[in-house]
């Protein structure tokens, strides 16, 4: 019988990663959207070693989508830094596939830890596909860490963005990374160099399609963000800063 440690090693995907100039801001810190791109790519590679790659999903008409994500940041990776990436799935929760991401420096210091909830949807109907339908299941021994609920606050409309071609991904909707770009673009280039982020909670409620207009709302303390399309909530986010 395989031990828990052996199973974890079998289902964990790891790689070394070099932070490129295209992934950082003017302060040489990795962008929030770049972190999400890394997580998406890690999840793709991680699904392959679970025998749940595109041949079992995309090729059969199923799409992986985020539903929730919590990111805890001790330090942002920086330009030209080599980091260690790893990801592993957690114990399934009905139709939710939890996955953990870890980013460490070469001295094994934890820089970033993220917990994510994924699901598979039918590409045609856009409805959640159950494991009994897709045949995609995961044997993982560890439960995912709890993701905090989003704390809503009073908000004001601060911007509107039309979803255009370069905002879209292969799922034919607004890519998850772009939500954080939209938030960061609300501020000048020095804002996040002064206000250091330590935690982000994201909740993707409903997909956004090409040419739809996203209305962006923010709380006065810049810790809660709400996105709506046609007055319907599609996304919300909490950001916590270091004191």
C-alpha atoms as a PDB file:
ATOM      1  CA  UNK A   1       0.000   0.000   0.000  1.00  0.00           C
ATOM      2  CA  UNK A   2       1.356   3.401  -0.970  1.00  0.00           C
ATOM      3  CA  UNK A   3       2.081   5.761   1.933  1.00  0.00           C
ATOM      4  CA  UNK A   4       0.692   9.303   2.207  1.00  0.00           C
ATOM      5  CA  UNK A   5       4.181  10.691   1.603  1.00  0.00           C
ATOM      6  CA  UNK A   6       4.651   8.565  -1.515  1.00  0.00           C
ATOM      7  CA  UNK A   7       1.237   9.596  -2.835  1.00  0.00           C
ATOM      8  CA  UNK A   8       1.953  13.278  -2.232  1.00  0.00           C
ATOM      9  CA  UNK A   9       5.250  12.964  -4.073  1.00  0.00           C
ATOM     10  CA  UNK A  10       3.495  11.220  -6.958  1.00  0.00           C
ATOM     11  CA  UNK A  11       0.798  13.882  -7.381  1.00  0.00           C
ATOM     12  CA  UNK A  12       2.990  16.959  -6.791  1.00  0.00           C
ATOM     13  CA  UNK A  13       4.319  18.848  -9.787  1.00  0.00           C
ATOM     14  CA  UNK A  14       7.531  20.867  -9.285  1.00  0.00           C
ATOM     15  CA  UNK A  15       9.719  23.110 -11.401  1.00  0.00           C
ATOM     16  CA  UNK A  16      12.353  25.811 -11.133  1.00  0.00           C
ATOM     17  CA  UNK A  17      11.267  29.127 -12.595  1.00  0.00           C
ATOM     18  CA  UNK A  18      13.133  32.252 -13.697  1.00  0.00           C
ATOM     19  CA  UNK A  19      11.213  35.527 -13.281  1.00  0.00           C
ATOM     20  CA  UNK A  20      11.290  37.378 -16.602  1.00  0.00           C
ATOM     21  CA  UNK A  21      11.142  41.091 -17.375  1.00  0.00           C
ATOM     22  CA  UNK A  22       7.698  40.729 -18.980  1.00  0.00           C
ATOM     23  CA  UNK A  23       6.299  39.487 -15.654  1.00  0.00           C
ATOM     24  CA  UNK A  24       7.317  42.329 -13.347  1.00  0.00           C
ATOM     25  CA  UNK A  25       6.280  45.922 -12.708  1.00  0.00           C
ATOM     26  CA  UNK A  26       8.446  49.043 -12.705  1.00  0.00           C
ATOM     27  CA  UNK A  27       9.601  48.165  -9.177  1.00  0.00           C
ATOM     28  CA  UNK A  28      10.886  44.778 -10.418  1.00  0.00           C
ATOM     29  CA  UNK A  29       8.293  42.867  -8.376  1.00  0.00           C
ATOM     30  CA  UNK A  30       6.213  40.208 -10.068  1.00  0.00           C
ATOM     31  CA  UNK A  31       2.765  41.441 -11.082  1.00  0.00           C
ATOM     32  CA  UNK A  32      -0.334  39.976  -9.468  1.00  0.00           C
ATOM     33  CA  UNK A  33      -1.594  38.912 -12.874  1.00  0.00           C
ATOM     34  CA  UNK A  34       1.732  37.166 -13.520  1.00  0.00           C
ATOM     35  CA  UNK A  35       1.229  35.132 -10.348  1.00  0.00           C
ATOM     36  CA  UNK A  36      -2.146  33.977 -11.635  1.00  0.00           C
ATOM     37  CA  UNK A  37      -0.623  33.064 -14.996  1.00  0.00           C
ATOM     38  CA  UNK A  38       1.968  30.962 -13.187  1.00  0.00           C
ATOM     39  CA  UNK A  39      -0.785  29.249 -11.167  1.00  0.00           C
ATOM     40  CA  UNK A  40      -2.768  28.518 -14.327  1.00  0.00           C
ATOM     41  CA  UNK A  41       0.259  26.994 -16.040  1.00  0.00           C
ATOM     42  CA  UNK A  42       1.141  24.967 -12.943  1.00  0.00           C
ATOM     43  CA  UNK A  43      -2.415  23.652 -12.733  1.00  0.00           C
ATOM     44  CA  UNK A  44      -2.215  22.568 -16.370  1.00  0.00           C
ATOM     45  CA  UNK A  45       1.017  20.659 -15.766  1.00  0.00           C
ATOM     46  CA  UNK A  46      -0.306  19.285 -12.473  1.00  0.00           C
ATOM     47  CA  UNK A  47      -3.432  17.934 -14.144  1.00  0.00           C
ATOM     48  CA  UNK A  48      -1.321  16.004 -16.642  1.00  0.00           C
ATOM     49  CA  UNK A  49       0.348  13.899 -13.964  1.00  0.00           C
ATOM     50  CA  UNK A  50      -3.136  13.099 -12.612  1.00  0.00           C
ATOM     51  CA  UNK A  51      -4.179  11.836 -16.048  1.00  0.00           C
ATOM     52  CA  UNK A  52      -6.609  14.752 -16.258  1.00  0.00           C
ATOM     53  CA  UNK A  53      -4.996  16.736 -19.066  1.00  0.00           C
ATOM     54  CA  UNK A  54      -6.563  18.117 -22.214  1.00  0.00           C
ATOM     55  CA  UNK A  55      -7.241  14.648 -23.635  1.00  0.00           C
ATOM     56  CA  UNK A  56      -9.650  14.052 -20.738  1.00  0.00           C
ATOM     57  CA  UNK A  57     -11.054  17.608 -20.543  1.00  0.00           C
ATOM     58  CA  UNK A  58     -10.698  20.091 -23.426  1.00  0.00           C
ATOM     59  CA  UNK A  59     -10.704  17.435 -26.134  1.00  0.00           C
ATOM     60  CA  UNK A  60     -13.958  16.061 -24.710  1.00  0.00           C
ATOM     61  CA  UNK A  61     -15.665  19.454 -24.368  1.00  0.00           C
ATOM     62  CA  UNK A  62     -14.853  20.326 -20.744  1.00  0.00           C
ATOM     63  CA  UNK A  63     -13.089  23.436 -19.482  1.00  0.00           C
ATOM     64  CA  UNK A  64     -11.208  24.018 -16.222  1.00  0.00           C
ATOM     65  CA  UNK A  65     -12.298  27.249 -14.483  1.00  0.00           C
ATOM     66  CA  UNK A  66     -11.388  28.980 -11.226  1.00  0.00           C
ATOM     67  CA  UNK A  67     -14.158  29.581  -8.734  1.00  0.00           C
ATOM     68  CA  UNK A  68     -12.187  30.853  -5.711  1.00  0.00           C
ATOM     69  CA  UNK A  69      -8.591  31.686  -4.942  1.00  0.00           C
ATOM     70  CA  UNK A  70      -6.795  32.845  -1.796  1.00  0.00           C
ATOM     71  CA  UNK A  71      -3.204  34.073  -2.096  1.00  0.00           C
ATOM     72  CA  UNK A  72      -0.982  34.710   0.938  1.00  0.00           C
ATOM     73  CA  UNK A  73       2.160  36.672   0.173  1.00  0.00           C
ATOM     74  CA  UNK A  74       5.234  36.832   2.405  1.00  0.00           C
ATOM     75  CA  UNK A  75       7.339  38.383  -0.337  1.00  0.00           C
ATOM     76  CA  UNK A  76       6.873  38.995  -4.048  1.00  0.00           C
ATOM     77  CA  UNK A  77       9.353  37.239  -6.330  1.00  0.00           C
ATOM     78  CA  UNK A  78      11.499  39.770  -8.189  1.00  0.00           C
ATOM     79  CA  UNK A  79      13.062  40.230 -11.603  1.00  0.00           C
ATOM     80  CA  UNK A  80      15.767  37.676 -12.507  1.00  0.00           C
ATOM     81  CA  UNK A  81      15.100  35.635  -9.373  1.00  0.00           C
ATOM     82  CA  UNK A  82      15.029  31.870  -9.694  1.00  0.00           C
ATOM     83  CA  UNK A  83      12.258  30.342  -7.608  1.00  0.00           C
ATOM     84  CA  UNK A  84      10.911  26.884  -6.838  1.00  0.00           C
ATOM     85  CA  UNK A  85       7.315  26.237  -7.852  1.00  0.00           C
ATOM     86  CA  UNK A  86       5.143  23.336  -6.739  1.00  0.00           C
ATOM     87  CA  UNK A  87       1.493  22.391  -6.855  1.00  0.00           C
ATOM     88  CA  UNK A  88      -0.612  19.496  -5.662  1.00  0.00           C
ATOM     89  CA  UNK A  89      -4.313  18.657  -5.622  1.00  0.00           C
ATOM     90  CA  UNK A  90      -6.296  18.435  -2.415  1.00  0.00           C
ATOM     91  CA  UNK A  91      -9.120  16.150  -1.391  1.00  0.00           C
ATOM     92  CA  UNK A  92     -12.119  16.655  -3.674  1.00  0.00           C
ATOM     93  CA  UNK A  93     -15.223  18.495  -2.437  1.00  0.00           C
ATOM     94  CA  UNK A  94     -18.126  17.082  -4.495  1.00  0.00           C
ATOM     95  CA  UNK A  95     -17.601  18.840  -7.878  1.00  0.00           C
ATOM     96  CA  UNK A  96     -14.861  21.167  -6.593  1.00  0.00           C
ATOM     97  CA  UNK A  97     -11.222  20.313  -7.288  1.00  0.00           C
ATOM     98  CA  UNK A  98      -9.056  22.148  -4.721  1.00  0.00           C
ATOM     99  CA  UNK A  99      -5.406  22.770  -5.559  1.00  0.00           C
ATOM    100  CA  UNK A 100      -2.523  24.260  -3.561  1.00  0.00           C
ATOM    101  CA  UNK A 101       0.333  26.316  -5.008  1.00  0.00           C
ATOM    102  CA  UNK A 102       3.650  27.069  -3.302  1.00  0.00           C
ATOM    103  CA  UNK A 103       6.415  29.449  -4.346  1.00  0.00           C
ATOM    104  CA  UNK A 104       9.722  29.267  -2.464  1.00  0.00           C
ATOM    105  CA  UNK A 105      13.117  30.852  -2.895  1.00  0.00           C
ATOM    106  CA  UNK A 106      16.227  28.732  -3.386  1.00  0.00           C
ATOM    107  CA  UNK A 107      16.773  28.703   0.397  1.00  0.00           C
ATOM    108  CA  UNK A 108      13.359  27.039   0.826  1.00  0.00           C
ATOM    109  CA  UNK A 109      11.748  30.170   2.292  1.00  0.00           C
ATOM    110  CA  UNK A 110       8.022  30.318   1.518  1.00  0.00           C
ATOM    111  CA  UNK A 111       7.269  33.396  -0.587  1.00  0.00           C
ATOM    112  CA  UNK A 112       3.707  32.742  -1.744  1.00  0.00           C
ATOM    113  CA  UNK A 113       1.069  30.161  -0.830  1.00  0.00           C
ATOM    114  CA  UNK A 114      -2.257  29.916  -2.598  1.00  0.00           C
ATOM    115  CA  UNK A 115      -5.340  27.756  -2.255  1.00  0.00           C
ATOM    116  CA  UNK A 116      -7.631  27.479  -5.257  1.00  0.00           C
ATOM    117  CA  UNK A 117     -11.000  25.911  -6.027  1.00  0.00           C
ATOM    118  CA  UNK A 118     -11.573  24.668  -9.574  1.00  0.00           C
ATOM    119  CA  UNK A 119     -14.431  23.045 -11.385  1.00  0.00           C
ATOM    120  CA  UNK A 120     -15.054  21.611 -14.834  1.00  0.00           C
ATOM    121  CA  UNK A 121     -17.775  23.124 -16.996  1.00  0.00           C
ATOM    122  CA  UNK A 122     -19.379  21.892 -20.192  1.00  0.00           C
ATOM    123  CA  UNK A 123     -17.977  24.036 -23.006  1.00  0.00           C
ATOM    124  CA  UNK A 124     -21.334  24.153 -24.807  1.00  0.00           C
ATOM    125  CA  UNK A 125     -23.809  24.643 -21.959  1.00  0.00           C
ATOM    126  CA  UNK A 126     -21.365  26.505 -19.645  1.00  0.00           C
ATOM    127  CA  UNK A 127     -22.817  24.506 -16.747  1.00  0.00           C
ATOM    128  CA  UNK A 128     -20.808  22.689 -14.088  1.00  0.00           C
ATOM    129  CA  UNK A 129     -19.901  19.143 -15.116  1.00  0.00           C
ATOM    130  CA  UNK A 130     -19.961  16.565 -12.311  1.00  0.00           C
ATOM    131  CA  UNK A 131     -17.128  14.042 -11.889  1.00  0.00           C
ATOM    132  CA  UNK A 132     -19.615  11.276 -12.726  1.00  0.00           C
ATOM    133  CA  UNK A 133     -20.076  12.945 -16.137  1.00  0.00           C
ATOM    134  CA  UNK A 134     -16.446  13.740 -16.907  1.00  0.00           C
ATOM    135  CA  UNK A 135     -14.793  10.728 -15.312  1.00  0.00           C
ATOM    136  CA  UNK A 136     -12.165  13.064 -13.837  1.00  0.00           C
ATOM    137  CA  UNK A 137     -11.469  12.238 -10.198  1.00  0.00           C
ATOM    138  CA  UNK A 138      -8.550  12.965  -7.889  1.00  0.00           C
ATOM    139  CA  UNK A 139      -7.086  10.798  -5.140  1.00  0.00           C
ATOM    140  CA  UNK A 140      -5.418  13.213  -2.733  1.00  0.00           C
ATOM    141  CA  UNK A 141      -4.762  12.702   1.003  1.00  0.00           C
ATOM    142  CA  UNK A 142      -4.735  16.311   2.203  1.00  0.00           C
ATOM    143  CA  UNK A 143      -7.714  18.599   2.675  1.00  0.00           C
ATOM    144  CA  UNK A 144      -7.400  22.114   1.296  1.00  0.00           C
ATOM    145  CA  UNK A 145      -6.891  25.008   3.654  1.00  0.00           C
ATOM    146  CA  UNK A 146     -10.044  26.987   4.287  1.00  0.00           C
ATOM    147  CA  UNK A 147     -10.605  29.940   1.984  1.00  0.00           C
ATOM    148  CA  UNK A 148     -12.015  32.951   3.824  1.00  0.00           C
ATOM    149  CA  UNK A 149     -15.338  34.374   2.743  1.00  0.00           C
ATOM    150  CA  UNK A 150     -15.263  37.681   0.912  1.00  0.00           C
ATOM    151  CA  UNK A 151     -16.055  40.633   3.183  1.00  0.00           C
ATOM    152  CA  UNK A 152     -18.307  43.001   1.257  1.00  0.00           C
ATOM    153  CA  UNK A 153     -18.298  46.744   1.897  1.00  0.00           C
ATOM    154  CA  UNK A 154     -19.997  49.849   0.595  1.00  0.00           C
ATOM    155  CA  UNK A 155     -18.573  50.684  -2.811  1.00  0.00           C
ATOM    156  CA  UNK A 156     -18.488  53.400  -5.444  1.00  0.00           C
ATOM    157  CA  UNK A 157     -18.272  53.016  -9.211  1.00  0.00           C
ATOM    158  CA  UNK A 158     -14.682  53.865 -10.130  1.00  0.00           C
ATOM    159  CA  UNK A 159     -14.190  52.565 -13.686  1.00  0.00           C
ATOM    160  CA  UNK A 160     -15.707  50.679 -16.599  1.00  0.00           C
ATOM    161  CA  UNK A 161     -13.842  48.413 -19.030  1.00  0.00           C
ATOM    162  CA  UNK A 162     -15.024  46.821 -22.244  1.00  0.00           C
ATOM    163  CA  UNK A 163     -13.776  43.268 -22.702  1.00  0.00           C
ATOM    164  CA  UNK A 164     -11.737  43.069 -25.902  1.00  0.00           C
ATOM    165  CA  UNK A 165      -9.887  40.431 -27.913  1.00  0.00           C
ATOM    166  CA  UNK A 166      -6.641  40.393 -25.887  1.00  0.00           C
ATOM    167  CA  UNK A 167      -8.591  40.002 -22.636  1.00  0.00           C
ATOM    168  CA  UNK A 168      -9.929  36.612 -23.731  1.00  0.00           C
ATOM    169  CA  UNK A 169      -8.509  33.125 -23.208  1.00  0.00           C
ATOM    170  CA  UNK A 170      -9.097  29.701 -24.739  1.00  0.00           C
ATOM    171  CA  UNK A 171     -12.252  29.371 -22.614  1.00  0.00           C
ATOM    172  CA  UNK A 172     -13.621  32.283 -24.699  1.00  0.00           C
ATOM    173  CA  UNK A 173     -14.146  34.578 -21.734  1.00  0.00           C
ATOM    174  CA  UNK A 174     -12.313  37.257 -19.758  1.00  0.00           C
ATOM    175  CA  UNK A 175      -9.151  35.580 -18.491  1.00  0.00           C
ATOM    176  CA  UNK A 176      -8.812  35.369 -14.718  1.00  0.00           C
ATOM    177  CA  UNK A 177      -5.517  37.239 -14.757  1.00  0.00           C
ATOM    178  CA  UNK A 178      -7.139  40.317 -16.290  1.00  0.00           C
ATOM    179  CA  UNK A 179      -9.371  40.954 -13.277  1.00  0.00           C
ATOM    180  CA  UNK A 180      -6.317  41.801 -11.205  1.00  0.00           C
ATOM    181  CA  UNK A 181      -4.866  43.921 -14.013  1.00  0.00           C
ATOM    182  CA  UNK A 182      -8.115  45.892 -14.064  1.00  0.00           C
ATOM    183  CA  UNK A 183      -7.831  46.480 -10.303  1.00  0.00           C
ATOM    184  CA  UNK A 184      -4.165  47.457 -10.430  1.00  0.00           C
ATOM    185  CA  UNK A 185      -4.866  49.903 -13.251  1.00  0.00           C
ATOM    186  CA  UNK A 186      -7.079  51.892 -10.893  1.00  0.00           C
ATOM    187  CA  UNK A 187      -3.938  53.199  -9.180  1.00  0.00           C
ATOM    188  CA  UNK A 188      -0.732  54.959 -10.158  1.00  0.00           C
ATOM    189  CA  UNK A 189       2.559  53.139 -10.581  1.00  0.00           C
ATOM    190  CA  UNK A 190       3.715  53.731  -7.005  1.00  0.00           C
ATOM    191  CA  UNK A 191       0.566  52.679  -5.150  1.00  0.00           C
ATOM    192  CA  UNK A 192       1.474  49.013  -4.647  1.00  0.00           C
ATOM    193  CA  UNK A 193       5.075  49.911  -3.864  1.00  0.00           C
ATOM    194  CA  UNK A 194       3.814  51.873  -0.867  1.00  0.00           C
ATOM    195  CA  UNK A 195       0.868  49.646   0.008  1.00  0.00           C
ATOM    196  CA  UNK A 196       2.285  46.160   0.379  1.00  0.00           C
ATOM    197  CA  UNK A 197      -0.207  43.364  -0.257  1.00  0.00           C
ATOM    198  CA  UNK A 198      -0.153  40.383   2.101  1.00  0.00           C
ATOM    199  CA  UNK A 199      -3.361  38.581   1.146  1.00  0.00           C
ATOM    200  CA  UNK A 200      -5.851  38.450  -1.736  1.00  0.00           C
ATOM    201  CA  UNK A 201      -9.169  36.638  -1.860  1.00  0.00           C
ATOM    202  CA  UNK A 202     -10.850  36.262  -5.239  1.00  0.00           C
ATOM    203  CA  UNK A 203     -14.297  34.927  -6.060  1.00  0.00           C
ATOM    204  CA  UNK A 204     -15.230  34.365  -9.706  1.00  0.00           C
ATOM    205  CA  UNK A 205     -19.024  34.347  -9.778  1.00  0.00           C
ATOM    206  CA  UNK A 206     -19.919  34.409 -13.456  1.00  0.00           C
ATOM    207  CA  UNK A 207     -17.926  34.456 -16.681  1.00  0.00           C
ATOM    208  CA  UNK A 208     -17.582  37.636 -18.729  1.00  0.00           C
ATOM    209  CA  UNK A 209     -17.716  37.489 -22.521  1.00  0.00           C
ATOM    210  CA  UNK A 210     -16.218  39.555 -25.341  1.00  0.00           C
ATOM    211  CA  UNK A 211     -17.626  43.079 -25.800  1.00  0.00           C
ATOM    212  CA  UNK A 212     -19.380  43.056 -22.432  1.00  0.00           C
ATOM    213  CA  UNK A 213     -18.734  46.121 -20.279  1.00  0.00           C
ATOM    214  CA  UNK A 214     -17.435  45.504 -16.762  1.00  0.00           C
ATOM    215  CA  UNK A 215     -18.369  48.130 -14.170  1.00  0.00           C
ATOM    216  CA  UNK A 216     -15.746  48.202 -11.406  1.00  0.00           C
ATOM    217  CA  UNK A 217     -16.649  49.276  -7.878  1.00  0.00           C
ATOM    218  CA  UNK A 218     -14.250  49.850  -4.976  1.00  0.00           C
ATOM    219  CA  UNK A 219     -14.575  50.558  -1.270  1.00  0.00           C
ATOM    220  CA  UNK A 220     -13.117  53.815  -0.015  1.00  0.00           C
ATOM    221  CA  UNK A 221     -10.320  51.959   1.802  1.00  0.00           C
ATOM    222  CA  UNK A 222      -9.384  50.016  -1.355  1.00  0.00           C
ATOM    223  CA  UNK A 223      -9.835  46.599   0.278  1.00  0.00           C
ATOM    224  CA  UNK A 224     -12.994  45.410  -1.475  1.00  0.00           C
ATOM    225  CA  UNK A 225     -13.679  45.333  -5.201  1.00  0.00           C
ATOM    226  CA  UNK A 226     -16.846  44.344  -7.008  1.00  0.00           C
ATOM    227  CA  UNK A 227     -17.275  43.782 -10.747  1.00  0.00           C
ATOM    228  CA  UNK A 228     -20.681  43.855 -12.400  1.00  0.00           C
ATOM    229  CA  UNK A 229     -21.979  43.337 -15.932  1.00  0.00           C
ATOM    230  CA  UNK A 230     -25.451  44.719 -16.616  1.00  0.00           C
ATOM    231  CA  UNK A 231     -25.753  45.240 -12.848  1.00  0.00           C
ATOM    232  CA  UNK A 232     -25.115  41.525 -12.171  1.00  0.00           C
ATOM    233  CA  UNK A 233     -22.187  40.557  -9.905  1.00  0.00           C
ATOM    234  CA  UNK A 234     -19.516  38.632 -11.801  1.00  0.00           C
ATOM    235  CA  UNK A 235     -16.491  38.943  -9.502  1.00  0.00           C
ATOM    236  CA  UNK A 236     -15.460  40.226  -6.093  1.00  0.00           C
ATOM    237  CA  UNK A 237     -12.182  40.544  -4.272  1.00  0.00           C
ATOM    238  CA  UNK A 238     -10.655  41.424  -0.901  1.00  0.00           C
ATOM    239  CA  UNK A 239      -7.123  42.774  -0.593  1.00  0.00           C
ATOM    240  CA  UNK A 240      -5.284  42.976   2.740  1.00  0.00           C
ATOM    241  CA  UNK A 241      -2.195  45.116   3.201  1.00  0.00           C
ATOM    242  CA  UNK A 242       0.681  44.952   5.627  1.00  0.00           C
ATOM    243  CA  UNK A 243       0.490  47.588   8.335  1.00  0.00           C
END
